[in-house]
Amino acid sequence: MRYTYLDLIEEVLRVEKREMTLREIWEFAEKEGYSKKLMSIGKTPVNTMNACIRKHIGSAKNVKFKQTSKNPALYYLNN
């Protein structure tokens, strides 16, 4: 199974155990090497993560994440 941006977001939030912006999640993932697990990284990984998490929250049956703030957008695990 391939490692996705949603997997990366979930892994970082589980380790950090706090609400985070997508930029904070990406910076932590880069520092800790989680980003190296992704098959490919484009020029705007934070924008890609934003698209993935919004699609997941809007359409998944078992939503893994919740947005806890709008400005800035903060995310946390939904459990």
PDB file of N, CA and C in Angstrom:
ATOM      1  N   MET A   1       0.847  -1.187   0.000  1.00  0.00           N
ATOM      2  CA  MET A   1       0.000   0.000   0.000  1.00  0.00           C
ATOM      3  C   MET A   1       0.885   1.241   0.000  1.00  0.00           C
ATOM      4  N   ARG A   2       0.525   2.215  -0.809  1.00  0.00           N
ATOM      5  CA  ARG A   2       1.359   3.402  -0.877  1.00  0.00           C
ATOM      6  C   ARG A   2       1.021   4.398   0.223  1.00  0.00           C
ATOM      7  N   TYR A   3       1.978   5.177   0.589  1.00  0.00           N
ATOM      8  CA  TYR A   3       1.870   6.185   1.646  1.00  0.00           C
ATOM      9  C   TYR A   3       1.347   7.463   1.026  1.00  0.00           C
ATOM     10  N   THR A   4       0.218   7.958   1.541  1.00  0.00           N
ATOM     11  CA  THR A   4      -0.436   9.127   0.952  1.00  0.00           C
ATOM     12  C   THR A   4      -0.266  10.357   1.842  1.00  0.00           C
ATOM     13  N   TYR A   5      -0.691  11.492   1.322  1.00  0.00           N
ATOM     14  CA  TYR A   5      -0.674  12.719   2.117  1.00  0.00           C
ATOM     15  C   TYR A   5      -1.563  12.579   3.351  1.00  0.00           C
ATOM     16  N   LEU A   6      -2.682  11.883   3.225  1.00  0.00           N
ATOM     17  CA  LEU A   6      -3.548  11.671   4.391  1.00  0.00           C
ATOM     18  C   LEU A   6      -2.843  10.821   5.441  1.00  0.00           C
ATOM     19  N   ASP A   7      -2.079   9.822   5.001  1.00  0.00           N
ATOM     20  CA  ASP A   7      -1.289   9.016   5.938  1.00  0.00           C
ATOM     21  C   ASP A   7      -0.276   9.894   6.659  1.00  0.00           C
ATOM     22  N   LEU A   8       0.373  10.770   5.920  1.00  0.00           N
ATOM     23  CA  LEU A   8       1.361  11.676   6.498  1.00  0.00           C
ATOM     24  C   LEU A   8       0.718  12.587   7.536  1.00  0.00           C
ATOM     25  N   ILE A   9      -0.427  13.180   7.194  1.00  0.00           N
ATOM     26  CA  ILE A   9      -1.136  14.071   8.121  1.00  0.00           C
ATOM     27  C   ILE A   9      -1.500  13.309   9.392  1.00  0.00           C
ATOM     28  N   GLU A  10      -2.055  12.110   9.227  1.00  0.00           N
ATOM     29  CA  GLU A  10      -2.458  11.308  10.382  1.00  0.00           C
ATOM     30  C   GLU A  10      -1.259  10.953  11.264  1.00  0.00           C
ATOM     31  N   GLU A  11      -0.162  10.554  10.647  1.00  0.00           N
ATOM     32  CA  GLU A  11       1.014  10.164  11.413  1.00  0.00           C
ATOM     33  C   GLU A  11       1.571  11.343  12.221  1.00  0.00           C
ATOM     34  N   VAL A  12       1.661  12.501  11.604  1.00  0.00           N
ATOM     35  CA  VAL A  12       2.184  13.685  12.299  1.00  0.00           C
ATOM     36  C   VAL A  12       1.263  14.076  13.449  1.00  0.00           C
ATOM     37  N   LEU A  13      -0.053  14.090  13.215  1.00  0.00           N
ATOM     38  CA  LEU A  13      -0.987  14.473  14.276  1.00  0.00           C
ATOM     39  C   LEU A  13      -0.962  13.471  15.427  1.00  0.00           C
ATOM     40  N   ARG A  14      -0.765  12.199  15.132  1.00  0.00           N
ATOM     41  CA  ARG A  14      -0.669  11.191  16.200  1.00  0.00           C
ATOM     42  C   ARG A  14       0.586  11.405  17.043  1.00  0.00           C
ATOM     43  N   VAL A  15       1.669  11.752  16.405  1.00  0.00           N
ATOM     44  CA  VAL A  15       2.929  11.971  17.129  1.00  0.00           C
ATOM     45  C   VAL A  15       2.869  13.259  17.941  1.00  0.00           C
ATOM     46  N   GLU A  16       2.387  14.326  17.336  1.00  0.00           N
ATOM     47  CA  GLU A  16       2.397  15.642  17.981  1.00  0.00           C
ATOM     48  C   GLU A  16       1.274  15.825  19.012  1.00  0.00           C
ATOM     49  N   LYS A  17       0.148  15.131  18.821  1.00  0.00           N
ATOM     50  CA  LYS A  17      -0.978  15.190  19.771  1.00  0.00           C
ATOM     51  C   LYS A  17      -1.436  16.629  20.056  1.00  0.00           C
ATOM     52  N   ARG A  18      -1.538  17.422  18.981  1.00  0.00           N
ATOM     53  CA  ARG A  18      -2.014  18.799  19.124  1.00  0.00           C
ATOM     54  C   ARG A  18      -2.598  19.256  17.798  1.00  0.00           C
ATOM     55  N   GLU A  19      -3.394  20.316  17.852  1.00  0.00           N
ATOM     56  CA  GLU A  19      -3.927  20.909  16.633  1.00  0.00           C
ATOM     57  C   GLU A  19      -2.778  21.553  15.863  1.00  0.00           C
ATOM     58  N   MET A  20      -2.815  21.409  14.536  1.00  0.00           N
ATOM     59  CA  MET A  20      -1.744  21.962  13.720  1.00  0.00           C
ATOM     60  C   MET A  20      -2.290  22.483  12.399  1.00  0.00           C
ATOM     61  N   THR A  21      -1.606  23.485  11.845  1.00  0.00           N
ATOM     62  CA  THR A  21      -1.913  23.927  10.490  1.00  0.00           C
ATOM     63  C   THR A  21      -1.254  22.943   9.524  1.00  0.00           C
ATOM     64  N   LEU A  22      -1.692  22.986   8.272  1.00  0.00           N
ATOM     65  CA  LEU A  22      -1.083  22.104   7.282  1.00  0.00           C
ATOM     66  C   LEU A  22       0.382  22.464   7.059  1.00  0.00           C
ATOM     67  N   ARG A  23       0.715  23.738   7.145  1.00  0.00           N
ATOM     68  CA  ARG A  23       2.121  24.146   7.001  1.00  0.00           C
ATOM     69  C   ARG A  23       2.970  23.575   8.142  1.00  0.00           C
ATOM     70  N   GLU A  24       2.449  23.627   9.368  1.00  0.00           N
ATOM     71  CA  GLU A  24       3.169  23.047  10.512  1.00  0.00           C
ATOM     72  C   GLU A  24       3.336  21.536  10.336  1.00  0.00           C
ATOM     73  N   ILE A  25       2.283  20.891   9.850  1.00  0.00           N
ATOM     74  CA  ILE A  25       2.342  19.445   9.619  1.00  0.00           C
ATOM     75  C   ILE A  25       3.426  19.136   8.593  1.00  0.00           C
ATOM     76  N   TRP A  26       3.458  19.896   7.499  1.00  0.00           N
ATOM     77  CA  TRP A  26       4.446  19.655   6.453  1.00  0.00           C
ATOM     78  C   TRP A  26       5.870  19.901   6.966  1.00  0.00           C
ATOM     79  N   GLU A  27       6.060  20.991   7.693  1.00  0.00           N
ATOM     80  CA  GLU A  27       7.397  21.298   8.211  1.00  0.00           C
ATOM     81  C   GLU A  27       7.884  20.212   9.171  1.00  0.00           C
ATOM     82  N   PHE A  28       6.989  19.714  10.015  1.00  0.00           N
ATOM     83  CA  PHE A  28       7.343  18.621  10.927  1.00  0.00           C
ATOM     84  C   PHE A  28       7.679  17.359  10.127  1.00  0.00           C
ATOM     85  N   ALA A  29       6.872  17.059   9.110  1.00  0.00           N
ATOM     86  CA  ALA A  29       7.093  15.874   8.273  1.00  0.00           C
ATOM     87  C   ALA A  29       8.430  15.952   7.553  1.00  0.00           C
ATOM     88  N   GLU A  30       8.797  17.125   7.091  1.00  0.00           N
ATOM     89  CA  GLU A  30      10.089  17.310   6.427  1.00  0.00           C
ATOM     90  C   GLU A  30      11.231  17.096   7.415  1.00  0.00           C
ATOM     91  N   LYS A  31      11.099  17.694   8.604  1.00  0.00           N
ATOM     92  CA  LYS A  31      12.145  17.607   9.621  1.00  0.00           C
ATOM     93  C   LYS A  31      12.353  16.167  10.091  1.00  0.00           C
ATOM     94  N   GLU A  32      11.255  15.434  10.266  1.00  0.00           N
ATOM     95  CA  GLU A  32      11.322  14.072  10.802  1.00  0.00           C
ATOM     96  C   GLU A  32      11.457  12.992   9.728  1.00  0.00           C
ATOM     97  N   GLY A  33      11.408  13.370   8.460  1.00  0.00           N
ATOM     98  CA  GLY A  33      11.599  12.414   7.373  1.00  0.00           C
ATOM     99  C   GLY A  33      10.350  11.696   6.891  1.00  0.00           C
ATOM    100  N   TYR A  34       9.181  12.039   7.415  1.00  0.00           N
ATOM    101  CA  TYR A  34       7.947  11.391   6.945  1.00  0.00           C
ATOM    102  C   TYR A  34       7.687  11.690   5.475  1.00  0.00           C
ATOM    103  N   SER A  35       8.065  12.880   5.033  1.00  0.00           N
ATOM    104  CA  SER A  35       7.800  13.271   3.643  1.00  0.00           C
ATOM    105  C   SER A  35       8.540  12.360   2.656  1.00  0.00           C
ATOM    106  N   LYS A  36       9.623  11.730   3.082  1.00  0.00           N
ATOM    107  CA  LYS A  36      10.384  10.844   2.209  1.00  0.00           C
ATOM    108  C   LYS A  36       9.624   9.557   1.887  1.00  0.00           C
ATOM    109  N   LYS A  37       8.582   9.257   2.667  1.00  0.00           N
ATOM    110  CA  LYS A  37       7.778   8.058   2.426  1.00  0.00           C
ATOM    111  C   LYS A  37       6.816   8.248   1.251  1.00  0.00           C
ATOM    112  N   LEU A  38       6.539   9.502   0.876  1.00  0.00           N
ATOM    113  CA  LEU A  38       5.624   9.788  -0.235  1.00  0.00           C
ATOM    114  C   LEU A  38       6.262   9.373  -1.552  1.00  0.00           C
ATOM    115  N   MET A  39       5.450   8.889  -2.482  1.00  0.00           N
ATOM    116  CA  MET A  39       5.975   8.471  -3.780  1.00  0.00           C
ATOM    117  C   MET A  39       6.454   9.664  -4.597  1.00  0.00           C
ATOM    118  N   SER A  40       5.748  10.779  -4.494  1.00  0.00           N
ATOM    119  CA  SER A  40       6.164  11.984  -5.202  1.00  0.00           C
ATOM    120  C   SER A  40       5.703  13.207  -4.430  1.00  0.00           C
ATOM    121  N   ILE A  41       6.461  14.284  -4.598  1.00  0.00           N
ATOM    122  CA  ILE A  41       6.140  15.549  -3.949  1.00  0.00           C
ATOM    123  C   ILE A  41       6.195  16.623  -5.029  1.00  0.00           C
ATOM    124  N   GLY A  42       5.100  17.365  -5.172  1.00  0.00           N
ATOM    125  CA  GLY A  42       5.068  18.435  -6.159  1.00  0.00           C
ATOM    126  C   GLY A  42       5.671  19.719  -5.609  1.00  0.00           C
ATOM    127  N   LYS A  43       5.460  20.794  -6.341  1.00  0.00           N
ATOM    128  CA  LYS A  43       6.008  22.089  -5.937  1.00  0.00           C
ATOM    129  C   LYS A  43       5.259  22.704  -4.767  1.00  0.00           C
ATOM    130  N   THR A  44       3.994  22.320  -4.580  1.00  0.00           N
ATOM    131  CA  THR A  44       3.171  22.914  -3.520  1.00  0.00           C
ATOM    132  C   THR A  44       2.534  21.817  -2.658  1.00  0.00           C
ATOM    133  N   PRO A  45       3.337  21.122  -1.856  1.00  0.00           N
ATOM    134  CA  PRO A  45       2.790  20.010  -1.068  1.00  0.00           C
ATOM    135  C   PRO A  45       1.727  20.437  -0.055  1.00  0.00           C
ATOM    136  N   VAL A  46       1.824  21.645   0.479  1.00  0.00           N
ATOM    137  CA  VAL A  46       0.812  22.106   1.435  1.00  0.00           C
ATOM    138  C   VAL A  46      -0.538  22.261   0.720  1.00  0.00           C
ATOM    139  N   ASN A  47      -0.526  22.762  -0.508  1.00  0.00           N
ATOM    140  CA  ASN A  47      -1.772  22.881  -1.280  1.00  0.00           C
ATOM    141  C   ASN A  47      -2.345  21.496  -1.589  1.00  0.00           C
ATOM    142  N   THR A  48      -1.480  20.552  -1.879  1.00  0.00           N
ATOM    143  CA  THR A  48      -1.934  19.184  -2.145  1.00  0.00           C
ATOM    144  C   THR A  48      -2.560  18.581  -0.891  1.00  0.00           C
ATOM    145  N   MET A  49      -1.915  18.792   0.252  1.00  0.00           N
ATOM    146  CA  MET A  49      -2.476  18.291   1.511  1.00  0.00           C
ATOM    147  C   MET A  49      -3.830  18.930   1.778  1.00  0.00           C
ATOM    148  N   ASN A  50      -3.957  20.225   1.489  1.00  0.00           N
ATOM    149  CA  ASN A  50      -5.223  20.930   1.694  1.00  0.00           C
ATOM    150  C   ASN A  50      -6.328  20.301   0.848  1.00  0.00           C
ATOM    151  N   ALA A  51      -6.039  20.038  -0.414  1.00  0.00           N
ATOM    152  CA  ALA A  51      -7.035  19.420  -1.292  1.00  0.00           C
ATOM    153  C   ALA A  51      -7.416  18.027  -0.790  1.00  0.00           C
ATOM    154  N   CYS A  52      -6.433  17.253  -0.376  1.00  0.00           N
ATOM    155  CA  CYS A  52      -6.693  15.886   0.104  1.00  0.00           C
ATOM    156  C   CYS A  52      -7.543  15.880   1.378  1.00  0.00           C
ATOM    157  N   ILE A  53      -7.192  16.715   2.336  1.00  0.00           N
ATOM    158  CA  ILE A  53      -7.905  16.691   3.620  1.00  0.00           C
ATOM    159  C   ILE A  53      -9.323  17.239   3.467  1.00  0.00           C
ATOM    160  N   ARG A  54      -9.499  18.262   2.640  1.00  0.00           N
ATOM    161  CA  ARG A  54     -10.852  18.807   2.430  1.00  0.00           C
ATOM    162  C   ARG A  54     -11.747  17.800   1.717  1.00  0.00           C
ATOM    163  N   LYS A  55     -11.193  17.110   0.732  1.00  0.00           N
ATOM    164  CA  LYS A  55     -11.966  16.078   0.030  1.00  0.00           C
ATOM    165  C   LYS A  55     -12.340  14.959   1.005  1.00  0.00           C
ATOM    166  N   HIS A  56     -11.388  14.547   1.834  1.00  0.00           N
ATOM    167  CA  HIS A  56     -11.634  13.479   2.814  1.00  0.00           C
ATOM    168  C   HIS A  56     -12.725  13.891   3.809  1.00  0.00           C
ATOM    169  N   ILE A  57     -12.607  15.074   4.377  1.00  0.00           N
ATOM    170  CA  ILE A  57     -13.584  15.543   5.363  1.00  0.00           C
ATOM    171  C   ILE A  57     -14.970  15.651   4.734  1.00  0.00           C
ATOM    172  N   GLY A  58     -15.024  16.064   3.470  1.00  0.00           N
ATOM    173  CA  GLY A  58     -16.305  16.257   2.802  1.00  0.00           C
ATOM    174  C   GLY A  58     -16.976  15.000   2.306  1.00  0.00           C
ATOM    175  N   SER A  59     -16.205  13.920   2.099  1.00  0.00           N
ATOM    176  CA  SER A  59     -16.822  12.764   1.447  1.00  0.00           C
ATOM    177  C   SER A  59     -16.600  11.413   2.124  1.00  0.00           C
ATOM    178  N   ALA A  60     -15.699  11.303   3.054  1.00  0.00           N
ATOM    179  CA  ALA A  60     -15.412   9.993   3.660  1.00  0.00           C
ATOM    180  C   ALA A  60     -16.506   9.568   4.633  1.00  0.00           C
ATOM    181  N   LYS A  61     -16.734   8.259   4.720  1.00  0.00           N
ATOM    182  CA  LYS A  61     -17.717   7.736   5.669  1.00  0.00           C
ATOM    183  C   LYS A  61     -17.168   7.788   7.092  1.00  0.00           C
ATOM    184  N   ASN A  62     -15.928   7.385   7.254  1.00  0.00           N
ATOM    185  CA  ASN A  62     -15.262   7.435   8.551  1.00  0.00           C
ATOM    186  C   ASN A  62     -14.199   8.527   8.508  1.00  0.00           C
ATOM    187  N   VAL A  63     -14.581   9.723   8.862  1.00  0.00           N
ATOM    188  CA  VAL A  63     -13.687  10.873   8.759  1.00  0.00           C
ATOM    189  C   VAL A  63     -12.619  10.800   9.849  1.00  0.00           C
ATOM    190  N   LYS A  64     -11.352  10.852   9.443  1.00  0.00           N
ATOM    191  CA  LYS A  64     -10.231  10.723  10.377  1.00  0.00           C
ATOM    192  C   LYS A  64      -9.858  12.047  11.035  1.00  0.00           C
ATOM    193  N   PHE A  65     -10.230  13.157  10.410  1.00  0.00           N
ATOM    194  CA  PHE A  65      -9.764  14.462  10.865  1.00  0.00           C
ATOM    195  C   PHE A  65     -10.927  15.410  11.093  1.00  0.00           C
ATOM    196  N   LYS A  66     -10.669  16.432  11.913  1.00  0.00           N
ATOM    197  CA  LYS A  66     -11.646  17.498  12.071  1.00  0.00           C
ATOM    198  C   LYS A  66     -10.907  18.829  12.002  1.00  0.00           C
ATOM    199  N   GLN A  67     -11.574  19.801  11.419  1.00  0.00           N
ATOM    200  CA  GLN A  67     -11.019  21.152  11.384  1.00  0.00           C
ATOM    201  C   GLN A  67     -11.520  21.862  12.631  1.00  0.00           C
ATOM    202  N   THR A  68     -10.601  22.312  13.470  1.00  0.00           N
ATOM    203  CA  THR A  68     -10.976  22.890  14.755  1.00  0.00           C
ATOM    204  C   THR A  68     -10.984  24.410  14.741  1.00  0.00           C
ATOM    205  N   SER A  69     -10.465  25.018  13.698  1.00  0.00           N
ATOM    206  CA  SER A  69     -10.410  26.474  13.583  1.00  0.00           C
ATOM    207  C   SER A  69     -10.369  26.832  12.104  1.00  0.00           C
ATOM    208  N   LYS A  70     -10.911  28.005  11.754  1.00  0.00           N
ATOM    209  CA  LYS A  70     -10.919  28.408  10.349  1.00  0.00           C
ATOM    210  C   LYS A  70      -9.774  29.343   9.978  1.00  0.00           C
ATOM    211  N   ASN A  71      -9.416  30.261  10.861  1.00  0.00           N
ATOM    212  CA  ASN A  71      -8.383  31.222  10.499  1.00  0.00           C
ATOM    213  C   ASN A  71      -7.396  31.406  11.652  1.00  0.00           C
ATOM    214  N   PRO A  72      -6.291  30.726  11.665  1.00  0.00           N
ATOM    215  CA  PRO A  72      -5.813  29.792  10.644  1.00  0.00           C
ATOM    216  C   PRO A  72      -6.530  28.444  10.742  1.00  0.00           C
ATOM    217  N   ALA A  73      -6.554  27.725   9.629  1.00  0.00           N
ATOM    218  CA  ALA A  73      -7.186  26.405   9.620  1.00  0.00           C
ATOM    219  C   ALA A  73      -6.324  25.448  10.423  1.00  0.00           C
ATOM    220  N   LEU A  74      -6.887  24.933  11.508  1.00  0.00           N
ATOM    221  CA  LEU A  74      -6.202  23.949  12.346  1.00  0.00           C
ATOM    222  C   LEU A  74      -6.905  22.618  12.232  1.00  0.00           C
ATOM    223  N   TYR A  75      -6.127  21.552  12.249  1.00  0.00           N
ATOM    224  CA  TYR A  75      -6.680  20.209  12.115  1.00  0.00           C
ATOM    225  C   TYR A  75      -6.216  19.335  13.271  1.00  0.00           C
ATOM    226  N   TYR A  76      -7.075  18.355  13.593  1.00  0.00           N
ATOM    227  CA  TYR A  76      -6.763  17.399  14.648  1.00  0.00           C
ATOM    228  C   TYR A  76      -7.421  16.072  14.291  1.00  0.00           C
ATOM    229  N   LEU A  77      -7.020  15.019  14.967  1.00  0.00           N
ATOM    230  CA  LEU A  77      -7.617  13.709  14.735  1.00  0.00           C
ATOM    231  C   LEU A  77      -9.048  13.684  15.261  1.00  0.00           C
ATOM    232  N   ASN A  78      -9.906  12.998  14.574  1.00  0.00           N
ATOM    233  CA  ASN A  78     -11.326  12.947  14.918  1.00  0.00           C
ATOM    234  C   ASN A  78     -11.618  11.695  15.740  1.00  0.00           C
ATOM    235  N   ASN A  79     -11.069  11.640  16.964  1.00  0.00           N
ATOM    236  CA  ASN A  79     -11.387  10.508  17.838  1.00  0.00           C
ATOM    237  C   ASN A  79     -11.078  10.836  19.269  1.00  0.00           C
TER     238      ASN A  79
END
